[in-house]
Amino acid sequence: EEVEARGRLTDITRGREQAAARREGLERDIKTWSGRIASAEERVGRLIERRKSAASEALAAKARPEELASEIETRSNEVETLETERKRVADQLAQKETAIREAEQAARRAANEASEARENLAGWKVKLENAEGRLEESVEIARNNFQRTPEGLLAIAEAGLDEEEMGEFSPRDAERKADELRRTRDQLGGVNMNAEE
């Protein structure tokens, strides 16, 4: 009976050891699988977050074309406004340039006219000086040859002419008449000298 009891004790002890070993193996398996489950849950969590993020991005991407279309329309309106303003400024600039060209042309014309007027004035001054010289010469001739002023000679000439002749009387005619009078005077002077002899 003692041997039988010892055999049974040995079997029980061996069974306990085997059970403990199996328990340790199961605990290791449980720990391993628990780690795997935790890792899987973490991966699932990350996938869920990525799915949420992807869904948000999808919604944002869906709304983006409308936002872009609105922004494009706004920019197009701004471009049209700026183009209108550019054309307006370009038209104003063209008008200013035309006005400047016209002003420059008017200034050149005025300068040319002023130059021409100065030349004409200089010409008239020369003519006036010549006329004054001829007048002085005529006065001198009248005094030397006829002992009279030009006015006196004119009175004599008018006395010897009728109205019709006066109407057709020109300065050249007056010169010819004065020459005739001088010749007549010279002839009279010669006749007087002969008479005195």
N, C-alpha and C. Protein backbone atom coordinates (compact mmCIF):
# COMPACT_ATOMS: atom_id res chain seq x y z
N GLU A 1 0.83 -1.20 0.00
CA GLU A 1 0.00 0.00 0.00
C GLU A 1 0.86 1.25 0.00
N GLU A 2 1.98 1.19 0.70
CA GLU A 2 2.88 2.35 0.74
C GLU A 2 3.43 2.62 -0.64
N VAL A 3 3.79 1.55 -1.31
CA VAL A 3 4.35 1.73 -2.66
C VAL A 3 3.29 2.30 -3.58
N GLU A 4 2.13 1.80 -3.41
CA GLU A 4 1.03 2.29 -4.24
C GLU A 4 0.76 3.76 -3.96
N ALA A 5 0.83 4.12 -2.70
CA ALA A 5 0.59 5.52 -2.32
C ALA A 5 1.68 6.42 -2.89
N ARG A 6 2.94 5.93 -2.79
CA ARG A 6 4.04 6.73 -3.34
C ARG A 6 3.88 6.88 -4.85
N GLY A 7 3.44 5.82 -5.49
CA GLY A 7 3.26 5.90 -6.95
C GLY A 7 2.18 6.93 -7.30
N ARG A 8 1.13 6.85 -6.48
CA ARG A 8 0.05 7.81 -6.75
C ARG A 8 0.54 9.23 -6.49
N LEU A 9 1.34 9.45 -5.45
CA LEU A 9 1.89 10.78 -5.12
C LEU A 9 2.78 11.27 -6.25
N THR A 10 3.57 10.34 -6.76
CA THR A 10 4.47 10.72 -7.86
C THR A 10 3.64 11.13 -9.08
N ASP A 11 2.59 10.35 -9.31
CA ASP A 11 1.74 10.68 -10.47
C ASP A 11 1.07 12.05 -10.27
N ILE A 12 0.61 12.27 -9.03
CA ILE A 12 -0.05 13.56 -8.74
C ILE A 12 0.95 14.70 -8.91
N THR A 13 2.16 14.49 -8.35
CA THR A 13 3.19 15.55 -8.45
C THR A 13 3.52 15.80 -9.91
N ARG A 14 3.71 14.71 -10.64
CA ARG A 14 4.04 14.88 -12.06
C ARG A 14 2.88 15.59 -12.77
N GLY A 15 1.62 15.21 -12.41
CA GLY A 15 0.45 15.84 -13.03
C GLY A 15 0.40 17.34 -12.69
N ARG A 16 0.74 17.61 -11.41
CA ARG A 16 0.76 19.03 -11.01
C ARG A 16 1.81 19.79 -11.80
N GLU A 17 2.99 19.20 -11.94
CA GLU A 17 4.07 19.87 -12.68
C GLU A 17 3.66 20.08 -14.14
N GLN A 18 3.07 19.04 -14.70
CA GLN A 18 2.63 19.17 -16.09
C GLN A 18 1.54 20.24 -16.22
N ALA A 19 0.63 20.25 -15.23
CA ALA A 19 -0.44 21.26 -15.25
C ALA A 19 0.14 22.65 -15.12
N ALA A 20 1.17 22.77 -14.20
CA ALA A 20 1.81 24.08 -14.02
C ALA A 20 2.50 24.50 -15.31
N ALA A 21 3.17 23.50 -15.94
CA ALA A 21 3.87 23.82 -17.19
C ALA A 21 2.85 24.23 -18.28
N ARG A 22 1.73 23.49 -18.31
CA ARG A 22 0.70 23.83 -19.30
C ARG A 22 0.11 25.21 -19.01
N ARG A 23 -0.06 25.47 -17.68
CA ARG A 23 -0.60 26.78 -17.29
C ARG A 23 0.36 27.90 -17.72
N GLU A 24 1.67 27.68 -17.46
CA GLU A 24 2.66 28.69 -17.87
C GLU A 24 2.63 28.88 -19.38
N GLY A 25 2.50 27.77 -20.11
CA GLY A 25 2.44 27.86 -21.57
C GLY A 25 1.20 28.63 -22.02
N LEU A 26 0.07 28.32 -21.36
CA LEU A 26 -1.16 29.03 -21.70
C LEU A 26 -1.06 30.52 -21.38
N GLU A 27 -0.43 30.80 -20.20
CA GLU A 27 -0.26 32.22 -19.83
C GLU A 27 0.62 32.95 -20.86
N ARG A 28 1.69 32.22 -21.30
CA ARG A 28 2.53 32.84 -22.33
C ARG A 28 1.73 33.08 -23.61
N ASP A 29 0.93 32.07 -23.98
CA ASP A 29 0.10 32.22 -25.18
C ASP A 29 -0.90 33.38 -25.02
N ILE A 30 -1.50 33.45 -23.80
CA ILE A 30 -2.47 34.54 -23.54
C ILE A 30 -1.78 35.90 -23.66
N LYS A 31 -0.54 35.97 -23.07
CA LYS A 31 0.20 37.24 -23.12
C LYS A 31 0.54 37.60 -24.57
N THR A 32 0.97 36.57 -25.32
CA THR A 32 1.30 36.82 -26.73
C THR A 32 0.08 37.29 -27.50
N TRP A 33 -1.03 36.58 -27.31
CA TRP A 33 -2.24 36.94 -28.04
C TRP A 33 -2.80 38.29 -27.56
N SER A 34 -2.63 38.55 -26.27
CA SER A 34 -3.06 39.87 -25.76
C SER A 34 -2.27 40.99 -26.44
N GLY A 35 -0.93 40.75 -26.59
CA GLY A 35 -0.10 41.74 -27.29
C GLY A 35 -0.54 41.91 -28.74
N ARG A 36 -0.83 40.74 -29.35
CA ARG A 36 -1.29 40.83 -30.74
C ARG A 36 -2.62 41.59 -30.84
N ILE A 37 -3.52 41.30 -29.90
CA ILE A 37 -4.82 41.99 -29.91
C ILE A 37 -4.62 43.49 -29.72
N ALA A 38 -3.73 43.87 -28.76
CA ALA A 38 -3.47 45.30 -28.51
C ALA A 38 -2.89 45.96 -29.75
N SER A 39 -1.94 45.26 -30.39
CA SER A 39 -1.34 45.79 -31.62
C SER A 39 -2.38 45.93 -32.72
N ALA A 40 -3.24 44.90 -32.82
CA ALA A 40 -4.29 44.94 -33.84
C ALA A 40 -5.27 46.08 -33.54
N GLU A 41 -5.63 46.24 -32.25
CA GLU A 41 -6.53 47.34 -31.88
C GLU A 41 -5.90 48.70 -32.20
N GLU A 42 -4.57 48.80 -31.94
CA GLU A 42 -3.88 50.06 -32.26
C GLU A 42 -3.91 50.32 -33.76
N ARG A 43 -3.64 49.26 -34.53
CA ARG A 43 -3.67 49.41 -35.98
C ARG A 43 -5.07 49.76 -36.46
N VAL A 44 -6.07 49.10 -35.87
CA VAL A 44 -7.46 49.42 -36.22
C VAL A 44 -7.78 50.88 -35.89
N GLY A 45 -7.29 51.35 -34.73
CA GLY A 45 -7.51 52.75 -34.33
C GLY A 45 -6.88 53.71 -35.34
N ARG A 46 -5.64 53.36 -35.73
CA ARG A 46 -4.98 54.21 -36.72
C ARG A 46 -5.74 54.21 -38.04
N LEU A 47 -6.21 53.01 -38.44
CA LEU A 47 -6.97 52.93 -39.68
C LEU A 47 -8.26 53.74 -39.59
N ILE A 48 -8.91 53.69 -38.41
CA ILE A 48 -10.15 54.48 -38.23
C ILE A 48 -9.84 55.98 -38.34
N GLU A 49 -8.73 56.41 -37.71
CA GLU A 49 -8.34 57.83 -37.79
C GLU A 49 -8.02 58.22 -39.24
N ARG A 50 -7.30 57.32 -39.92
CA ARG A 50 -6.98 57.61 -41.32
C ARG A 50 -8.25 57.66 -42.16
N ARG A 51 -9.19 56.79 -41.85
CA ARG A 51 -10.46 56.80 -42.57
C ARG A 51 -11.21 58.12 -42.33
N LYS A 52 -11.22 58.55 -41.05
CA LYS A 52 -11.87 59.83 -40.74
C LYS A 52 -11.19 60.99 -41.47
N SER A 53 -9.84 60.97 -41.44
CA SER A 53 -9.07 62.02 -42.11
C SER A 53 -9.34 62.01 -43.61
N ALA A 54 -9.36 60.77 -44.17
CA ALA A 54 -9.64 60.65 -45.61
C ALA A 54 -11.04 61.16 -45.93
N ALA A 55 -12.00 60.88 -45.04
CA ALA A 55 -13.36 61.36 -45.26
C ALA A 55 -13.41 62.88 -45.22
N SER A 56 -12.69 63.47 -44.24
CA SER A 56 -12.64 64.95 -44.15
C SER A 56 -11.99 65.54 -45.39
N GLU A 57 -10.87 64.90 -45.81
CA GLU A 57 -10.20 65.38 -47.02
C GLU A 57 -11.11 65.25 -48.24
N ALA A 58 -11.86 64.17 -48.29
CA ALA A 58 -12.78 63.98 -49.41
C ALA A 58 -13.85 65.07 -49.42
N LEU A 59 -14.39 65.40 -48.23
CA LEU A 59 -15.38 66.48 -48.15
C LEU A 59 -14.77 67.82 -48.56
N ALA A 60 -13.54 68.07 -48.06
CA ALA A 60 -12.86 69.32 -48.42
C ALA A 60 -12.59 69.38 -49.91
N ALA A 61 -12.14 68.23 -50.46
CA ALA A 61 -11.86 68.17 -51.90
C ALA A 61 -13.14 68.37 -52.70
N LYS A 62 -14.25 67.87 -52.18
CA LYS A 62 -15.52 68.04 -52.86
C LYS A 62 -15.94 69.51 -52.88
N ALA A 63 -15.68 70.22 -51.78
CA ALA A 63 -16.05 71.64 -51.70
C ALA A 63 -15.04 72.53 -52.42
N ARG A 64 -13.82 72.05 -52.62
CA ARG A 64 -12.75 72.88 -53.19
C ARG A 64 -13.06 73.39 -54.61
N PRO A 65 -13.61 72.53 -55.51
CA PRO A 65 -13.92 73.06 -56.84
C PRO A 65 -14.85 74.27 -56.81
N GLU A 66 -15.86 74.22 -55.92
CA GLU A 66 -16.77 75.36 -55.81
C GLU A 66 -16.02 76.59 -55.32
N GLU A 67 -15.13 76.39 -54.32
CA GLU A 67 -14.34 77.51 -53.82
C GLU A 67 -13.44 78.06 -54.92
N LEU A 68 -12.80 77.13 -55.66
CA LEU A 68 -11.93 77.56 -56.75
C LEU A 68 -12.72 78.30 -57.84
N ALA A 69 -13.92 77.79 -58.15
CA ALA A 69 -14.75 78.45 -59.16
C ALA A 69 -15.11 79.86 -58.71
N SER A 70 -15.48 80.01 -57.43
CA SER A 70 -15.80 81.34 -56.90
C SER A 70 -14.59 82.26 -56.94
N GLU A 71 -13.42 81.71 -56.57
CA GLU A 71 -12.20 82.51 -56.59
C GLU A 71 -11.83 82.91 -58.02
N ILE A 72 -12.00 81.96 -58.96
CA ILE A 72 -11.71 82.26 -60.37
C ILE A 72 -12.63 83.37 -60.87
N GLU A 73 -13.91 83.29 -60.52
CA GLU A 73 -14.86 84.33 -60.94
C GLU A 73 -14.48 85.69 -60.37
N THR A 74 -14.08 85.69 -59.07
CA THR A 74 -13.66 86.94 -58.44
C THR A 74 -12.45 87.52 -59.15
N ARG A 75 -11.46 86.66 -59.42
CA ARG A 75 -10.24 87.13 -60.10
C ARG A 75 -10.57 87.62 -61.52
N SER A 76 -11.48 86.92 -62.19
CA SER A 76 -11.87 87.34 -63.55
C SER A 76 -12.51 88.72 -63.52
N ASN A 77 -13.39 88.95 -62.52
CA ASN A 77 -14.01 90.27 -62.38
C ASN A 77 -12.96 91.34 -62.11
N GLU A 78 -11.99 90.99 -61.25
CA GLU A 78 -10.91 91.95 -60.96
C GLU A 78 -10.11 92.26 -62.22
N VAL A 79 -9.83 91.21 -63.02
CA VAL A 79 -9.08 91.40 -64.27
C VAL A 79 -9.86 92.30 -65.22
N GLU A 80 -11.18 92.07 -65.34
CA GLU A 80 -12.01 92.90 -66.22
C GLU A 80 -11.99 94.35 -65.75
N THR A 81 -12.12 94.54 -64.42
CA THR A 81 -12.09 95.90 -63.87
C THR A 81 -10.76 96.57 -64.17
N LEU A 82 -9.67 95.83 -63.95
CA LEU A 82 -8.34 96.39 -64.21
C LEU A 82 -8.14 96.67 -65.69
N GLU A 83 -8.66 95.81 -66.56
CA GLU A 83 -8.53 96.03 -68.00
C GLU A 83 -9.30 97.27 -68.43
N THR A 84 -10.51 97.44 -67.85
CA THR A 84 -11.30 98.65 -68.14
C THR A 84 -10.55 99.89 -67.70
N GLU A 85 -9.97 99.83 -66.49
CA GLU A 85 -9.20 100.97 -65.98
C GLU A 85 -7.98 101.22 -66.86
N ARG A 86 -7.32 100.13 -67.30
CA ARG A 86 -6.14 100.28 -68.16
C ARG A 86 -6.51 100.97 -69.47
N LYS A 87 -7.64 100.55 -70.06
CA LYS A 87 -8.09 101.17 -71.31
C LYS A 87 -8.41 102.65 -71.09
N ARG A 88 -9.08 102.95 -69.96
CA ARG A 88 -9.43 104.35 -69.67
C ARG A 88 -8.17 105.20 -69.54
N VAL A 89 -7.18 104.67 -68.79
CA VAL A 89 -5.93 105.40 -68.61
C VAL A 89 -5.19 105.53 -69.94
N ALA A 90 -5.22 104.46 -70.76
CA ALA A 90 -4.56 104.50 -72.07
C ALA A 90 -5.21 105.56 -72.96
N ASP A 91 -6.57 105.63 -72.92
CA ASP A 91 -7.27 106.66 -73.71
C ASP A 91 -6.89 108.05 -73.24
N GLN A 92 -6.86 108.24 -71.91
CA GLN A 92 -6.46 109.55 -71.37
C GLN A 92 -5.04 109.90 -71.78
N LEU A 93 -4.16 108.90 -71.72
CA LEU A 93 -2.77 109.13 -72.12
C LEU A 93 -2.69 109.52 -73.60
N ALA A 94 -3.47 108.81 -74.43
CA ALA A 94 -3.47 109.13 -75.87
C ALA A 94 -3.98 110.56 -76.09
N GLN A 95 -5.03 110.95 -75.34
CA GLN A 95 -5.55 112.32 -75.47
C GLN A 95 -4.50 113.33 -75.04
N LYS A 96 -3.80 113.03 -73.93
CA LYS A 96 -2.76 113.95 -73.45
C LYS A 96 -1.64 114.06 -74.49
N GLU A 97 -1.25 112.90 -75.06
CA GLU A 97 -0.18 112.92 -76.07
C GLU A 97 -0.61 113.72 -77.30
N THR A 98 -1.89 113.54 -77.71
CA THR A 98 -2.41 114.31 -78.84
C THR A 98 -2.39 115.80 -78.52
N ALA A 99 -2.84 116.15 -77.30
CA ALA A 99 -2.84 117.56 -76.90
C ALA A 99 -1.42 118.12 -76.88
N ILE A 100 -0.47 117.30 -76.40
CA ILE A 100 0.93 117.74 -76.36
C ILE A 100 1.44 117.97 -77.78
N ARG A 101 1.14 117.01 -78.69
CA ARG A 101 1.58 117.17 -80.08
C ARG A 101 0.97 118.42 -80.71
N GLU A 102 -0.33 118.63 -80.46
CA GLU A 102 -0.98 119.82 -81.01
C GLU A 102 -0.37 121.09 -80.43
N ALA A 103 -0.09 121.06 -79.11
CA ALA A 103 0.53 122.23 -78.48
C ALA A 103 1.92 122.48 -79.06
N GLU A 104 2.67 121.40 -79.27
CA GLU A 104 4.01 121.55 -79.86
C GLU A 104 3.91 122.10 -81.28
N GLN A 105 2.94 121.60 -82.06
CA GLN A 105 2.76 122.11 -83.42
C GLN A 105 2.37 123.58 -83.40
N ALA A 106 1.44 123.93 -82.46
CA ALA A 106 1.03 125.34 -82.35
C ALA A 106 2.22 126.20 -81.94
N ALA A 107 3.05 125.67 -81.01
CA ALA A 107 4.23 126.43 -80.58
C ALA A 107 5.19 126.62 -81.74
N ARG A 108 5.38 125.56 -82.56
CA ARG A 108 6.26 125.69 -83.72
C ARG A 108 5.70 126.70 -84.72
N ARG A 109 4.35 126.61 -84.94
CA ARG A 109 3.74 127.58 -85.86
C ARG A 109 3.91 129.00 -85.33
N ALA A 110 3.67 129.18 -84.02
CA ALA A 110 3.82 130.51 -83.42
C ALA A 110 5.26 130.99 -83.54
N ALA A 111 6.22 130.07 -83.32
CA ALA A 111 7.63 130.46 -83.44
C ALA A 111 7.95 130.85 -84.87
N ASN A 112 7.42 130.07 -85.84
CA ASN A 112 7.66 130.40 -87.25
C ASN A 112 7.02 131.74 -87.61
N GLU A 113 5.78 131.94 -87.11
CA GLU A 113 5.10 133.20 -87.39
C GLU A 113 5.84 134.37 -86.74
N ALA A 114 6.34 134.14 -85.50
CA ALA A 114 7.10 135.20 -84.83
C ALA A 114 8.38 135.51 -85.60
N SER A 115 9.05 134.44 -86.07
CA SER A 115 10.27 134.64 -86.86
C SER A 115 9.96 135.39 -88.15
N GLU A 116 8.86 134.97 -88.79
CA GLU A 116 8.46 135.65 -90.03
C GLU A 116 8.09 137.10 -89.75
N ALA A 117 7.39 137.33 -88.61
CA ALA A 117 7.01 138.70 -88.26
C ALA A 117 8.26 139.54 -87.99
N ARG A 118 9.26 138.92 -87.30
CA ARG A 118 10.50 139.65 -87.05
C ARG A 118 11.20 140.00 -88.37
N GLU A 119 11.20 139.01 -89.30
CA GLU A 119 11.81 139.28 -90.60
C GLU A 119 11.06 140.38 -91.34
N ASN A 120 9.71 140.30 -91.29
CA ASN A 120 8.90 141.34 -91.94
C ASN A 120 9.15 142.70 -91.31
N LEU A 121 9.23 142.70 -89.96
CA LEU A 121 9.48 143.96 -89.26
C LEU A 121 10.83 144.53 -89.66
N ALA A 122 11.84 143.63 -89.73
CA ALA A 122 13.16 144.09 -90.15
C ALA A 122 13.10 144.64 -91.57
N GLY A 123 12.34 143.94 -92.45
CA GLY A 123 12.19 144.41 -93.83
C GLY A 123 11.51 145.76 -93.89
N TRP A 124 10.45 145.91 -93.08
CA TRP A 124 9.74 147.20 -93.08
C TRP A 124 10.61 148.30 -92.48
N LYS A 125 11.43 147.93 -91.49
CA LYS A 125 12.35 148.94 -90.94
C LYS A 125 13.31 149.42 -92.02
N VAL A 126 13.83 148.44 -92.81
CA VAL A 126 14.73 148.81 -93.90
C VAL A 126 14.00 149.68 -94.91
N LYS A 127 12.74 149.27 -95.25
CA LYS A 127 11.96 150.08 -96.20
C LYS A 127 11.70 151.47 -95.65
N LEU A 128 11.39 151.53 -94.33
CA LEU A 128 11.14 152.83 -93.71
C LEU A 128 12.39 153.69 -93.75
N GLU A 129 13.52 153.06 -93.42
CA GLU A 129 14.78 153.82 -93.47
C GLU A 129 15.07 154.31 -94.89
N ASN A 130 14.83 153.43 -95.88
CA ASN A 130 15.03 153.83 -97.28
C ASN A 130 14.08 154.96 -97.66
N ALA A 131 12.82 154.82 -97.22
CA ALA A 131 11.84 155.86 -97.55
C ALA A 131 12.21 157.18 -96.89
N GLU A 132 12.65 157.08 -95.61
CA GLU A 132 13.08 158.30 -94.93
C GLU A 132 14.28 158.92 -95.64
N GLY A 133 15.20 158.04 -96.10
CA GLY A 133 16.36 158.54 -96.84
C GLY A 133 15.94 159.22 -98.14
N ARG A 134 15.00 158.56 -98.86
CA ARG A 134 14.52 159.17 -100.10
C ARG A 134 13.79 160.48 -99.83
N LEU A 135 13.04 160.50 -98.71
CA LEU A 135 12.33 161.73 -98.35
C LEU A 135 13.32 162.86 -98.08
N GLU A 136 14.35 162.53 -97.29
CA GLU A 136 15.36 163.55 -97.02
C GLU A 136 16.04 164.00 -98.31
N GLU A 137 16.30 163.00 -99.18
CA GLU A 137 16.93 163.33 -100.47
C GLU A 137 16.01 164.21 -101.30
N SER A 138 14.69 163.88 -101.30
CA SER A 138 13.73 164.69 -102.06
C SER A 138 13.63 166.10 -101.50
N VAL A 139 13.64 166.19 -100.15
CA VAL A 139 13.61 167.52 -99.52
C VAL A 139 14.84 168.32 -99.93
N GLU A 140 15.99 167.65 -99.93
CA GLU A 140 17.24 168.32 -100.29
C GLU A 140 17.22 168.76 -101.75
N ILE A 141 16.71 167.86 -102.62
CA ILE A 141 16.62 168.21 -104.04
C ILE A 141 15.68 169.39 -104.24
N ALA A 142 14.53 169.33 -103.54
CA ALA A 142 13.56 170.43 -103.67
C ALA A 142 14.17 171.75 -103.23
N ARG A 143 14.93 171.72 -102.17
CA ARG A 143 15.54 172.96 -101.67
C ARG A 143 16.64 173.44 -102.61
N ASN A 144 17.47 172.49 -103.06
CA ASN A 144 18.62 172.89 -103.89
C ASN A 144 18.20 173.31 -105.29
N ASN A 145 17.28 172.52 -105.88
CA ASN A 145 16.93 172.77 -107.27
C ASN A 145 15.81 173.80 -107.43
N PHE A 146 14.88 173.79 -106.47
CA PHE A 146 13.71 174.66 -106.64
C PHE A 146 13.56 175.68 -105.53
N GLN A 147 14.44 175.64 -104.55
CA GLN A 147 14.37 176.53 -103.38
C GLN A 147 12.98 176.48 -102.74
N ARG A 148 12.45 175.27 -102.73
CA ARG A 148 11.13 175.08 -102.13
C ARG A 148 11.11 173.75 -101.35
N THR A 149 10.10 173.65 -100.51
CA THR A 149 9.88 172.37 -99.82
C THR A 149 9.09 171.46 -100.75
N PRO A 150 9.06 170.14 -100.47
CA PRO A 150 8.23 169.25 -101.30
C PRO A 150 6.77 169.66 -101.30
N GLU A 151 6.30 170.19 -100.17
CA GLU A 151 4.91 170.62 -100.11
C GLU A 151 4.67 171.77 -101.09
N GLY A 152 5.66 172.68 -101.13
CA GLY A 152 5.53 173.81 -102.05
C GLY A 152 5.52 173.36 -103.49
N LEU A 153 6.38 172.39 -103.81
CA LEU A 153 6.38 171.85 -105.17
C LEU A 153 5.06 171.18 -105.50
N LEU A 154 4.51 170.47 -104.50
CA LEU A 154 3.23 169.81 -104.72
C LEU A 154 2.14 170.84 -105.01
N ALA A 155 2.18 171.95 -104.29
CA ALA A 155 1.18 173.00 -104.52
C ALA A 155 1.32 173.55 -105.93
N ILE A 156 2.58 173.75 -106.36
CA ILE A 156 2.80 174.24 -107.73
C ILE A 156 2.29 173.23 -108.74
N ALA A 157 2.60 171.95 -108.50
CA ALA A 157 2.17 170.91 -109.42
C ALA A 157 0.66 170.83 -109.47
N GLU A 158 0.00 170.92 -108.30
CA GLU A 158 -1.46 170.85 -108.27
C GLU A 158 -2.07 172.03 -109.00
N ALA A 159 -1.40 173.19 -108.92
CA ALA A 159 -1.93 174.39 -109.58
C ALA A 159 -1.89 174.23 -111.08
N GLY A 160 -0.94 173.46 -111.59
CA GLY A 160 -0.82 173.29 -113.04
C GLY A 160 -1.58 172.10 -113.57
N LEU A 161 -2.33 171.39 -112.73
CA LEU A 161 -3.04 170.19 -113.16
C LEU A 161 -4.52 170.35 -112.86
N ASP A 162 -5.35 169.82 -113.77
CA ASP A 162 -6.78 169.81 -113.46
C ASP A 162 -7.10 168.57 -112.63
N GLU A 163 -8.38 168.44 -112.23
CA GLU A 163 -8.79 167.35 -111.33
C GLU A 163 -8.61 165.98 -111.97
N GLU A 164 -8.90 165.92 -113.29
CA GLU A 164 -8.75 164.63 -113.97
C GLU A 164 -7.30 164.20 -113.98
N GLU A 165 -6.41 165.14 -114.25
CA GLU A 165 -4.98 164.82 -114.24
C GLU A 165 -4.52 164.45 -112.83
N MET A 166 -5.07 165.14 -111.83
CA MET A 166 -4.69 164.82 -110.44
C MET A 166 -5.11 163.40 -110.07
N GLY A 167 -6.28 162.96 -110.58
CA GLY A 167 -6.75 161.61 -110.26
C GLY A 167 -5.85 160.55 -110.84
N GLU A 168 -5.21 160.84 -111.99
CA GLU A 168 -4.34 159.87 -112.63
C GLU A 168 -2.88 160.11 -112.30
N PHE A 169 -2.61 161.04 -111.41
CA PHE A 169 -1.24 161.45 -111.10
C PHE A 169 -0.60 160.44 -110.14
N SER A 170 0.54 159.87 -110.57
CA SER A 170 1.26 158.89 -109.74
C SER A 170 2.59 159.49 -109.32
N PRO A 171 3.28 158.90 -108.34
CA PRO A 171 4.59 159.40 -107.94
C PRO A 171 5.57 159.45 -109.11
N ARG A 172 5.48 158.48 -110.01
CA ARG A 172 6.38 158.49 -111.17
C ARG A 172 6.04 159.68 -112.08
N ASP A 173 4.72 159.92 -112.22
CA ASP A 173 4.30 161.09 -113.00
C ASP A 173 4.81 162.37 -112.35
N ALA A 174 4.79 162.39 -111.02
CA ALA A 174 5.28 163.57 -110.30
C ALA A 174 6.76 163.77 -110.57
N GLU A 175 7.49 162.64 -110.62
CA GLU A 175 8.93 162.76 -110.91
C GLU A 175 9.15 163.31 -112.31
N ARG A 176 8.37 162.78 -113.26
CA ARG A 176 8.50 163.28 -114.63
C ARG A 176 8.14 164.77 -114.71
N LYS A 177 7.06 165.10 -113.99
CA LYS A 177 6.64 166.51 -113.99
C LYS A 177 7.72 167.39 -113.38
N ALA A 178 8.35 166.88 -112.28
CA ALA A 178 9.43 167.65 -111.65
C ALA A 178 10.60 167.80 -112.61
N ASP A 179 10.91 166.73 -113.36
CA ASP A 179 11.99 166.82 -114.36
C ASP A 179 11.66 167.86 -115.43
N GLU A 180 10.42 167.84 -115.87
CA GLU A 180 10.01 168.82 -116.88
C GLU A 180 10.16 170.24 -116.34
N LEU A 181 9.72 170.40 -115.08
CA LEU A 181 9.82 171.73 -114.47
C LEU A 181 11.28 172.16 -114.34
N ARG A 182 12.15 171.20 -113.98
CA ARG A 182 13.57 171.55 -113.87
C ARG A 182 14.13 171.96 -115.23
N ARG A 183 13.76 171.18 -116.26
CA ARG A 183 14.25 171.53 -117.60
C ARG A 183 13.73 172.90 -118.03
N THR A 184 12.45 173.12 -117.73
CA THR A 184 11.87 174.44 -118.07
C THR A 184 12.60 175.54 -117.34
N ARG A 185 12.88 175.30 -116.07
CA ARG A 185 13.60 176.31 -115.29
C ARG A 185 14.99 176.55 -115.86
N ASP A 186 15.64 175.42 -116.21
CA ASP A 186 17.00 175.56 -116.76
C ASP A 186 16.95 176.33 -118.08
N GLN A 187 15.95 176.02 -118.89
CA GLN A 187 15.83 176.74 -120.17
C GLN A 187 15.56 178.21 -119.94
N LEU A 188 14.68 178.47 -118.96
CA LEU A 188 14.39 179.87 -118.64
C LEU A 188 15.64 180.56 -118.14
N GLY A 189 16.42 179.85 -117.36
CA GLY A 189 17.67 180.43 -116.87
C GLY A 189 18.58 180.76 -118.03
N GLY A 190 18.63 179.87 -119.05
CA GLY A 190 19.47 180.10 -120.23
C GLY A 190 18.96 181.29 -121.03
N VAL A 191 17.63 181.37 -121.17
CA VAL A 191 17.03 182.48 -121.91
C VAL A 191 17.34 183.79 -121.22
N ASN A 192 17.23 183.79 -119.89
CA ASN A 192 17.52 185.01 -119.12
C ASN A 192 18.97 185.43 -119.31
N MET A 193 19.85 184.42 -119.29
CA MET A 193 21.27 184.75 -119.46
C MET A 193 21.51 185.33 -120.84
N ASN A 194 20.84 184.75 -121.89
CA ASN A 194 21.00 185.27 -123.25
C ASN A 194 20.43 186.68 -123.34
N ALA A 195 19.32 186.87 -122.65
CA ALA A 195 18.70 188.20 -122.67
C ALA A 195 19.61 189.22 -122.04
N GLU A 196 20.27 188.80 -120.95
CA GLU A 196 21.17 189.73 -120.29
C GLU A 196 22.34 190.08 -121.18
N GLU A 197 22.79 189.10 -121.99
CA GLU A 197 23.90 189.38 -122.90
C GLU A 197 23.45 190.33 -123.98
